[in-house]
N, C-alpha and C. Protein backbone atom coordinates (compact mmCIF):
# COMPACT_ATOMS: atom_id res chain seq x y z
N MET A 1 7.27 -9.86 3.83
CA MET A 1 7.32 -8.46 4.01
C MET A 1 6.10 -8.09 4.81
N LYS A 2 6.24 -7.23 5.81
CA LYS A 2 5.13 -6.74 6.65
C LYS A 2 4.96 -5.29 6.38
N VAL A 3 3.70 -4.88 6.19
CA VAL A 3 3.40 -3.46 5.91
C VAL A 3 2.47 -2.91 7.04
N THR A 4 2.92 -1.88 7.72
CA THR A 4 2.16 -1.33 8.83
C THR A 4 1.66 0.05 8.50
N PHE A 5 0.36 0.19 8.59
CA PHE A 5 -0.37 1.48 8.37
C PHE A 5 -0.67 1.99 9.75
N THR A 6 -0.25 3.25 10.03
CA THR A 6 -0.44 3.83 11.31
C THR A 6 -1.15 5.17 11.25
N LYS A 7 -2.21 5.31 12.05
CA LYS A 7 -2.88 6.66 12.13
C LYS A 7 -1.92 7.55 12.90
N THR A 8 -1.45 8.61 12.31
CA THR A 8 -0.51 9.47 12.94
C THR A 8 -1.12 10.76 13.48
N ALA A 9 -2.26 11.17 12.98
CA ALA A 9 -2.94 12.34 13.41
C ALA A 9 -4.41 12.19 12.96
N ALA A 10 -5.22 13.15 13.23
CA ALA A 10 -6.62 13.04 12.91
C ALA A 10 -6.94 12.68 11.42
N ARG A 11 -6.21 13.30 10.52
CA ARG A 11 -6.38 12.97 9.11
C ARG A 11 -5.11 12.65 8.34
N ARG A 12 -4.25 11.93 9.09
CA ARG A 12 -2.94 11.58 8.48
C ARG A 12 -2.56 10.19 8.90
N TYR A 13 -1.78 9.54 8.01
CA TYR A 13 -1.31 8.17 8.35
C TYR A 13 0.08 7.99 7.74
N SER A 14 0.77 6.99 8.19
CA SER A 14 2.07 6.66 7.69
C SER A 14 2.05 5.19 7.29
N VAL A 15 3.06 4.74 6.49
CA VAL A 15 3.19 3.42 6.07
C VAL A 15 4.66 3.02 6.36
N TYR A 16 4.84 1.95 7.08
CA TYR A 16 6.12 1.39 7.39
C TYR A 16 6.26 0.03 6.81
N VAL A 17 7.37 -0.22 6.14
CA VAL A 17 7.59 -1.50 5.39
C VAL A 17 8.84 -2.22 5.96
N GLU A 18 8.57 -3.42 6.56
CA GLU A 18 9.66 -4.22 7.12
C GLU A 18 9.92 -5.39 6.20
N ARG A 19 11.16 -5.48 5.73
CA ARG A 19 11.55 -6.51 4.76
C ARG A 19 12.67 -7.38 5.30
N ASP A 20 12.66 -8.66 4.86
CA ASP A 20 13.74 -9.58 5.31
C ASP A 20 14.98 -9.35 4.44
N ASN A 21 14.82 -9.02 3.17
CA ASN A 21 15.91 -9.02 2.25
C ASN A 21 16.35 -7.61 1.77
N ALA A 22 15.86 -6.61 2.46
CA ALA A 22 16.22 -5.22 2.11
C ALA A 22 15.93 -4.34 3.30
N PRO A 23 16.49 -3.07 3.33
CA PRO A 23 16.27 -2.23 4.46
C PRO A 23 14.79 -1.80 4.62
N ALA A 24 14.42 -1.45 5.84
CA ALA A 24 13.07 -0.97 6.11
C ALA A 24 12.81 0.40 5.45
N LEU A 25 11.62 0.62 5.12
CA LEU A 25 11.23 1.87 4.49
C LEU A 25 9.97 2.45 5.09
N ALA A 26 9.74 3.78 4.89
CA ALA A 26 8.51 4.42 5.41
C ALA A 26 8.19 5.57 4.54
N ILE A 27 6.91 5.97 4.68
CA ILE A 27 6.41 7.21 4.05
C ILE A 27 5.52 7.84 5.06
N SER A 28 5.77 9.13 5.37
CA SER A 28 4.92 9.86 6.31
C SER A 28 5.00 11.34 6.03
N PRO A 29 3.88 11.97 5.83
CA PRO A 29 2.58 11.34 5.80
C PRO A 29 2.35 10.71 4.44
N ALA A 30 1.51 9.64 4.42
CA ALA A 30 1.20 8.96 3.20
C ALA A 30 0.02 9.70 2.56
N PRO A 31 -0.02 9.58 1.22
CA PRO A 31 -1.14 10.30 0.47
C PRO A 31 -2.44 9.56 0.60
N GLY A 32 -3.56 10.36 0.52
CA GLY A 32 -4.88 9.77 0.36
C GLY A 32 -5.51 9.20 1.68
N PHE A 33 -5.52 10.05 2.74
CA PHE A 33 -6.17 9.54 3.98
C PHE A 33 -7.64 9.35 3.75
N ASP A 34 -8.19 8.36 4.35
CA ASP A 34 -9.61 8.15 4.40
C ASP A 34 -10.01 7.50 5.74
N VAL A 35 -11.16 7.87 6.29
CA VAL A 35 -11.42 7.37 7.60
C VAL A 35 -11.70 5.82 7.62
N TYR A 36 -11.99 5.32 6.42
CA TYR A 36 -12.32 3.84 6.33
C TYR A 36 -11.20 3.09 5.60
N LEU A 37 -10.84 3.55 4.39
CA LEU A 37 -9.90 2.85 3.60
C LEU A 37 -8.82 3.83 2.93
N PRO A 38 -7.73 4.07 3.55
CA PRO A 38 -6.70 4.91 3.05
C PRO A 38 -6.22 4.40 1.67
N HIS A 39 -5.73 5.34 0.82
CA HIS A 39 -5.37 5.02 -0.55
C HIS A 39 -4.33 3.90 -0.61
N ASP A 40 -3.31 3.96 0.18
CA ASP A 40 -2.26 2.93 0.15
C ASP A 40 -2.72 1.56 0.61
N LEU A 41 -3.72 1.51 1.48
CA LEU A 41 -4.30 0.23 1.90
C LEU A 41 -5.06 -0.33 0.76
N LEU A 42 -5.71 0.49 -0.06
CA LEU A 42 -6.40 -0.02 -1.23
C LEU A 42 -5.41 -0.57 -2.29
N HIS A 43 -4.29 0.18 -2.43
CA HIS A 43 -3.25 -0.38 -3.32
C HIS A 43 -2.72 -1.73 -2.86
N PHE A 44 -2.55 -1.83 -1.54
CA PHE A 44 -2.03 -3.10 -0.98
C PHE A 44 -3.04 -4.20 -1.35
N VAL A 45 -4.34 -4.00 -1.10
CA VAL A 45 -5.32 -5.05 -1.40
C VAL A 45 -5.38 -5.34 -2.93
N ALA A 46 -5.41 -4.31 -3.74
CA ALA A 46 -5.44 -4.55 -5.17
C ALA A 46 -4.32 -5.36 -5.66
N GLU A 47 -3.12 -4.97 -5.28
CA GLU A 47 -1.88 -5.63 -5.75
C GLU A 47 -1.76 -7.05 -5.12
N ALA A 48 -2.18 -7.23 -3.90
CA ALA A 48 -2.08 -8.55 -3.31
C ALA A 48 -3.01 -9.49 -3.94
N GLU A 49 -4.31 -9.08 -4.14
CA GLU A 49 -5.34 -9.93 -4.61
C GLU A 49 -5.25 -10.23 -6.13
N PHE A 50 -4.74 -9.21 -6.92
CA PHE A 50 -4.71 -9.40 -8.33
C PHE A 50 -3.30 -9.79 -8.85
N GLY A 51 -2.42 -10.12 -7.94
CA GLY A 51 -1.08 -10.60 -8.29
C GLY A 51 -0.23 -9.62 -9.03
N LEU A 52 -0.36 -8.33 -8.67
CA LEU A 52 0.48 -7.32 -9.36
C LEU A 52 1.79 -7.15 -8.58
N ASP A 53 2.80 -7.75 -9.16
CA ASP A 53 4.16 -7.61 -8.57
C ASP A 53 4.91 -6.48 -9.10
N GLY A 54 4.37 -5.74 -10.08
CA GLY A 54 5.05 -4.60 -10.60
C GLY A 54 4.43 -3.25 -10.14
N GLY A 55 3.66 -3.29 -9.06
CA GLY A 55 3.07 -2.06 -8.53
C GLY A 55 3.89 -1.61 -7.32
N VAL A 56 3.28 -0.75 -6.54
CA VAL A 56 3.95 -0.17 -5.33
C VAL A 56 4.47 -1.22 -4.46
N PHE A 57 3.65 -2.06 -3.91
CA PHE A 57 4.07 -3.05 -2.94
C PHE A 57 4.84 -4.21 -3.49
N GLY A 58 4.56 -4.59 -4.75
CA GLY A 58 5.42 -5.51 -5.43
C GLY A 58 6.83 -5.03 -5.66
N ASP A 59 6.97 -3.73 -5.95
CA ASP A 59 8.35 -3.13 -6.03
C ASP A 59 9.02 -3.20 -4.70
N LEU A 60 8.24 -2.84 -3.67
CA LEU A 60 8.90 -2.91 -2.27
C LEU A 60 9.33 -4.35 -1.97
N ALA A 61 8.53 -5.32 -2.31
CA ALA A 61 8.93 -6.70 -1.98
C ALA A 61 10.13 -7.16 -2.88
N ALA A 62 10.36 -6.44 -3.93
CA ALA A 62 11.55 -6.74 -4.81
C ALA A 62 12.77 -5.91 -4.38
N GLY A 63 12.72 -5.27 -3.21
CA GLY A 63 13.84 -4.46 -2.73
C GLY A 63 13.91 -3.04 -3.24
N GLY A 64 12.88 -2.60 -3.96
CA GLY A 64 12.80 -1.21 -4.46
C GLY A 64 12.23 -0.30 -3.40
N ASN A 65 11.95 0.96 -3.87
CA ASN A 65 11.30 1.93 -2.99
C ASN A 65 10.09 2.55 -3.60
N ALA A 66 9.62 2.01 -4.71
CA ALA A 66 8.40 2.48 -5.40
C ALA A 66 8.41 4.03 -5.65
N ARG A 67 9.58 4.59 -5.75
CA ARG A 67 9.73 6.00 -6.04
C ARG A 67 9.40 6.95 -4.88
N ILE A 68 8.68 6.50 -3.88
CA ILE A 68 8.24 7.48 -2.89
C ILE A 68 8.59 7.06 -1.42
N PHE A 69 8.97 5.79 -1.19
CA PHE A 69 9.34 5.45 0.15
C PHE A 69 10.78 5.84 0.50
N ILE A 70 11.00 6.12 1.74
CA ILE A 70 12.32 6.58 2.13
C ILE A 70 12.86 5.54 3.13
N PRO A 71 14.12 5.18 3.06
CA PRO A 71 14.78 4.27 4.05
C PRO A 71 14.58 4.83 5.48
N VAL A 72 14.32 3.93 6.40
CA VAL A 72 14.27 4.32 7.80
C VAL A 72 15.64 4.68 8.29
N ALA A 73 16.65 3.92 7.89
CA ALA A 73 18.06 4.20 8.22
C ALA A 73 18.54 5.40 7.53
N LYS A 74 18.75 6.51 8.27
CA LYS A 74 19.17 7.81 7.66
C LYS A 74 20.38 7.78 6.78
N ASP A 75 21.29 6.86 7.09
CA ASP A 75 22.53 6.78 6.23
C ASP A 75 22.27 6.19 4.84
N LEU A 76 21.07 5.67 4.55
CA LEU A 76 20.71 5.12 3.26
C LEU A 76 19.93 6.09 2.43
N VAL A 77 19.43 7.17 2.98
CA VAL A 77 18.62 8.11 2.20
C VAL A 77 19.26 8.65 1.04
N ALA A 78 20.41 9.26 1.20
CA ALA A 78 21.13 9.86 0.00
C ALA A 78 21.44 8.87 -1.07
N LYS A 79 21.87 7.69 -0.69
CA LYS A 79 22.17 6.61 -1.62
C LYS A 79 20.94 6.29 -2.46
N THR A 80 19.75 6.12 -1.75
CA THR A 80 18.53 5.83 -2.41
C THR A 80 18.12 6.83 -3.48
N TRP A 81 18.20 8.15 -3.06
CA TRP A 81 17.79 9.22 -3.98
C TRP A 81 18.76 9.30 -5.17
N ARG A 82 20.05 9.06 -4.92
CA ARG A 82 21.07 9.08 -5.98
C ARG A 82 20.75 7.97 -6.98
N ARG A 83 20.44 6.77 -6.48
CA ARG A 83 20.09 5.64 -7.32
C ARG A 83 18.90 5.94 -8.17
N ASN A 84 17.90 6.57 -7.53
CA ASN A 84 16.64 6.96 -8.25
C ASN A 84 16.90 7.90 -9.40
N ARG A 85 17.81 8.86 -9.14
CA ARG A 85 18.15 9.86 -10.26
C ARG A 85 18.90 9.24 -11.32
N MET A 86 19.79 8.24 -11.03
CA MET A 86 20.56 7.59 -12.06
C MET A 86 19.76 6.65 -12.87
N LYS A 87 18.89 5.98 -12.24
CA LYS A 87 18.02 4.97 -12.94
C LYS A 87 16.64 5.06 -12.39
N LYS A 88 15.75 5.68 -13.11
CA LYS A 88 14.37 5.92 -12.67
C LYS A 88 13.70 4.48 -12.47
N PRO A 89 13.20 4.29 -11.20
CA PRO A 89 12.52 3.02 -10.99
C PRO A 89 11.24 2.95 -11.79
N ARG A 90 11.02 1.76 -12.38
CA ARG A 90 9.75 1.56 -13.23
C ARG A 90 8.78 0.77 -12.38
N LEU A 91 7.49 1.10 -12.53
CA LEU A 91 6.46 0.34 -11.95
C LEU A 91 5.57 -0.17 -13.07
N PRO A 92 5.88 -1.25 -13.73
CA PRO A 92 5.07 -1.73 -14.88
C PRO A 92 3.60 -1.95 -14.57
N ASP A 93 3.26 -2.30 -13.31
CA ASP A 93 1.93 -2.45 -12.98
C ASP A 93 1.34 -1.28 -12.21
N GLY A 94 2.03 -0.17 -12.22
CA GLY A 94 1.62 1.03 -11.44
C GLY A 94 0.27 1.56 -11.85
N ARG A 95 0.08 1.70 -13.21
CA ARG A 95 -1.18 2.27 -13.66
C ARG A 95 -2.36 1.34 -13.29
N ARG A 96 -2.14 -0.01 -13.59
CA ARG A 96 -3.14 -1.02 -13.23
C ARG A 96 -3.48 -0.97 -11.77
N SER A 97 -2.48 -0.87 -10.90
CA SER A 97 -2.67 -0.78 -9.46
C SER A 97 -3.51 0.42 -9.11
N GLU A 98 -3.15 1.54 -9.70
CA GLU A 98 -3.95 2.80 -9.45
C GLU A 98 -5.47 2.60 -9.95
N GLU A 99 -5.64 1.99 -11.08
CA GLU A 99 -6.99 1.77 -11.57
C GLU A 99 -7.78 0.91 -10.68
N LEU A 100 -7.17 -0.24 -10.22
CA LEU A 100 -7.83 -1.14 -9.34
C LEU A 100 -8.08 -0.60 -7.96
N ALA A 101 -7.14 0.18 -7.45
CA ALA A 101 -7.41 0.82 -6.12
C ALA A 101 -8.57 1.77 -6.24
N GLY A 102 -8.70 2.51 -7.29
CA GLY A 102 -9.82 3.40 -7.54
C GLY A 102 -11.09 2.65 -7.68
N ALA A 103 -11.08 1.61 -8.48
CA ALA A 103 -12.26 0.80 -8.63
C ALA A 103 -12.70 0.14 -7.31
N LEU A 104 -11.81 -0.36 -6.49
CA LEU A 104 -12.14 -0.89 -5.23
C LEU A 104 -12.79 0.20 -4.32
N GLU A 105 -12.21 1.33 -4.36
CA GLU A 105 -12.72 2.45 -3.55
C GLU A 105 -14.19 2.81 -3.92
N ARG A 106 -14.40 2.93 -5.27
CA ARG A 106 -15.67 3.36 -5.71
C ARG A 106 -16.71 2.15 -5.48
N ALA A 107 -16.31 0.97 -5.75
CA ALA A 107 -17.22 -0.21 -5.54
C ALA A 107 -17.64 -0.33 -4.08
N TRP A 108 -16.63 -0.22 -3.19
CA TRP A 108 -16.95 -0.35 -1.78
C TRP A 108 -17.83 0.73 -1.28
N GLY A 109 -17.51 2.01 -1.73
CA GLY A 109 -18.38 3.14 -1.34
C GLY A 109 -19.82 3.04 -1.89
N ALA A 110 -19.93 2.63 -3.14
CA ALA A 110 -21.23 2.51 -3.71
C ALA A 110 -22.05 1.41 -3.07
N ARG A 111 -21.36 0.33 -2.64
CA ARG A 111 -22.04 -0.82 -2.05
C ARG A 111 -22.61 -0.37 -0.66
N ARG A 112 -21.87 0.55 0.07
CA ARG A 112 -22.38 1.01 1.29
C ARG A 112 -23.73 1.78 1.15
N HIS A 113 -23.96 2.24 -0.10
CA HIS A 113 -25.19 2.95 -0.40
C HIS A 113 -26.18 2.13 -1.18
N GLY A 114 -26.00 0.81 -1.18
CA GLY A 114 -26.98 -0.09 -1.75
C GLY A 114 -26.67 -0.57 -3.18
N ALA A 115 -25.67 -0.07 -3.86
CA ALA A 115 -25.36 -0.45 -5.25
C ALA A 115 -24.53 -1.70 -5.23
N ALA A 116 -24.74 -2.56 -6.25
CA ALA A 116 -23.96 -3.83 -6.37
C ALA A 116 -22.65 -3.53 -6.98
N PRO A 117 -21.54 -4.08 -6.45
CA PRO A 117 -20.19 -3.87 -7.04
C PRO A 117 -20.12 -4.67 -8.32
N PRO A 118 -19.15 -4.33 -9.18
CA PRO A 118 -18.89 -5.20 -10.36
C PRO A 118 -18.56 -6.58 -9.90
N PRO A 119 -19.12 -7.57 -10.75
CA PRO A 119 -18.86 -8.97 -10.32
C PRO A 119 -17.41 -9.37 -9.99
N GLU A 120 -16.47 -8.88 -10.73
CA GLU A 120 -14.99 -9.19 -10.54
C GLU A 120 -14.51 -8.70 -9.16
N LEU A 121 -15.16 -7.67 -8.63
CA LEU A 121 -14.76 -7.06 -7.33
C LEU A 121 -15.57 -7.57 -6.15
N GLU A 122 -16.66 -8.22 -6.40
CA GLU A 122 -17.60 -8.67 -5.39
C GLU A 122 -16.86 -9.56 -4.33
N PRO A 123 -15.97 -10.51 -4.76
CA PRO A 123 -15.28 -11.30 -3.75
C PRO A 123 -14.45 -10.53 -2.75
N LEU A 124 -14.02 -9.36 -3.11
CA LEU A 124 -13.15 -8.57 -2.21
C LEU A 124 -13.91 -7.68 -1.24
N MET A 125 -15.19 -7.54 -1.38
CA MET A 125 -15.98 -6.61 -0.55
C MET A 125 -15.94 -7.04 0.91
N GLY A 126 -16.00 -8.32 1.22
CA GLY A 126 -15.99 -8.68 2.60
C GLY A 126 -14.57 -8.35 3.26
N LYS A 127 -13.53 -8.59 2.46
CA LYS A 127 -12.15 -8.25 2.98
C LYS A 127 -12.10 -6.72 3.22
N LEU A 128 -12.55 -5.99 2.28
CA LEU A 128 -12.58 -4.50 2.49
C LEU A 128 -13.41 -4.10 3.69
N ASP A 129 -14.61 -4.74 3.83
CA ASP A 129 -15.42 -4.41 5.01
C ASP A 129 -14.63 -4.63 6.31
N ALA A 130 -13.91 -5.76 6.42
CA ALA A 130 -13.13 -6.09 7.64
C ALA A 130 -12.01 -5.11 7.83
N LEU A 131 -11.24 -4.78 6.78
CA LEU A 131 -10.21 -3.80 6.89
C LEU A 131 -10.72 -2.42 7.27
N ALA A 132 -11.77 -2.02 6.60
CA ALA A 132 -12.33 -0.70 6.89
C ALA A 132 -12.78 -0.59 8.37
N GLU A 133 -13.45 -1.64 8.79
CA GLU A 133 -13.84 -1.60 10.22
C GLU A 133 -12.63 -1.51 11.17
N ARG A 134 -11.61 -2.32 10.92
CA ARG A 134 -10.41 -2.32 11.77
C ARG A 134 -9.76 -0.92 11.73
N TRP A 135 -9.62 -0.31 10.52
CA TRP A 135 -8.89 0.95 10.36
C TRP A 135 -9.74 2.06 11.03
N HIS A 136 -11.07 2.01 10.75
CA HIS A 136 -11.91 3.14 11.35
C HIS A 136 -11.85 3.16 12.88
N GLU A 137 -11.75 1.93 13.45
CA GLU A 137 -11.82 1.88 14.96
C GLU A 137 -10.46 2.21 15.59
N LEU A 138 -9.35 2.26 14.84
CA LEU A 138 -8.05 2.51 15.40
C LEU A 138 -7.94 3.92 15.93
N PRO A 139 -7.52 4.11 17.20
CA PRO A 139 -7.21 5.44 17.61
C PRO A 139 -5.85 5.97 17.02
N VAL A 140 -5.75 7.30 17.01
CA VAL A 140 -4.52 7.85 16.58
C VAL A 140 -3.34 7.26 17.34
N GLY A 141 -2.26 6.90 16.62
CA GLY A 141 -1.10 6.31 17.21
C GLY A 141 -1.10 4.77 17.13
N GLU A 142 -2.18 4.23 16.74
CA GLU A 142 -2.33 2.74 16.65
C GLU A 142 -2.14 2.30 15.21
N SER A 143 -1.78 1.02 15.00
CA SER A 143 -1.47 0.55 13.68
C SER A 143 -2.21 -0.73 13.26
N LEU A 144 -2.17 -0.94 11.98
CA LEU A 144 -2.75 -2.15 11.35
C LEU A 144 -1.56 -2.71 10.50
N THR A 145 -1.24 -4.03 10.79
CA THR A 145 -0.09 -4.63 10.01
C THR A 145 -0.60 -5.74 9.18
N LEU A 146 -0.16 -5.72 7.93
CA LEU A 146 -0.57 -6.78 6.95
C LEU A 146 0.64 -7.45 6.42
N ASP A 147 0.52 -8.79 6.06
CA ASP A 147 1.61 -9.49 5.46
C ASP A 147 1.40 -9.54 3.96
N TRP A 148 2.51 -9.21 3.20
CA TRP A 148 2.49 -9.38 1.80
C TRP A 148 2.37 -10.83 1.43
N PRO A 149 1.41 -11.22 0.57
CA PRO A 149 1.08 -12.63 0.36
C PRO A 149 2.10 -13.44 -0.43
N ARG A 150 3.05 -12.84 -1.03
CA ARG A 150 4.08 -13.55 -1.78
C ARG A 150 5.46 -13.27 -1.30
N PRO A 151 6.42 -14.24 -1.54
CA PRO A 151 7.78 -14.05 -1.01
C PRO A 151 8.47 -12.81 -1.56
N GLU A 152 9.33 -12.28 -0.77
CA GLU A 152 10.16 -11.19 -1.29
C GLU A 152 11.04 -11.81 -2.40
N ARG A 153 11.46 -10.94 -3.30
CA ARG A 153 12.25 -11.42 -4.42
C ARG A 153 13.30 -10.33 -4.76
N ARG A 154 14.24 -10.63 -5.63
CA ARG A 154 15.24 -9.64 -6.08
C ARG A 154 14.82 -9.13 -7.39
N ARG A 155 15.19 -7.88 -7.64
CA ARG A 155 14.96 -7.30 -8.98
C ARG A 155 15.80 -7.98 -10.06
N HIS A 156 15.32 -8.02 -11.21
CA HIS A 156 16.13 -8.52 -12.37
C HIS A 156 16.77 -7.45 -13.07
């Protein structure tokens, strides 16, 4: 699965998800813009690095829509929303993903001002530095694409 984060305006971004085993999805505008580390980019890093397959991106890799992504193919939109109404998608790692994304954001921000990050997050600071630099330098209309680190799977 490939996830593309695109700066769409001065303080807006979108997320496009290309999957081998399920239709492509997108969200635009995506929530939580930041000039260095947008909220969904932090979710991606948290879930990828801590092995959370029941969070936003893990659900997408399992063929779901994480409750907020919309199919790119217009003919699938109604079907997706109907399925969501009939059976509410669950994100068992959703809260943990949110907590980790917040912790990463706070640790990275505090580190920029001289504070040491918590030891369990220290190994990720270099990765966040590199992503933040790449994102910050992107002009509007340009994208950053990341590969989900685990294979796509089917929901059980």
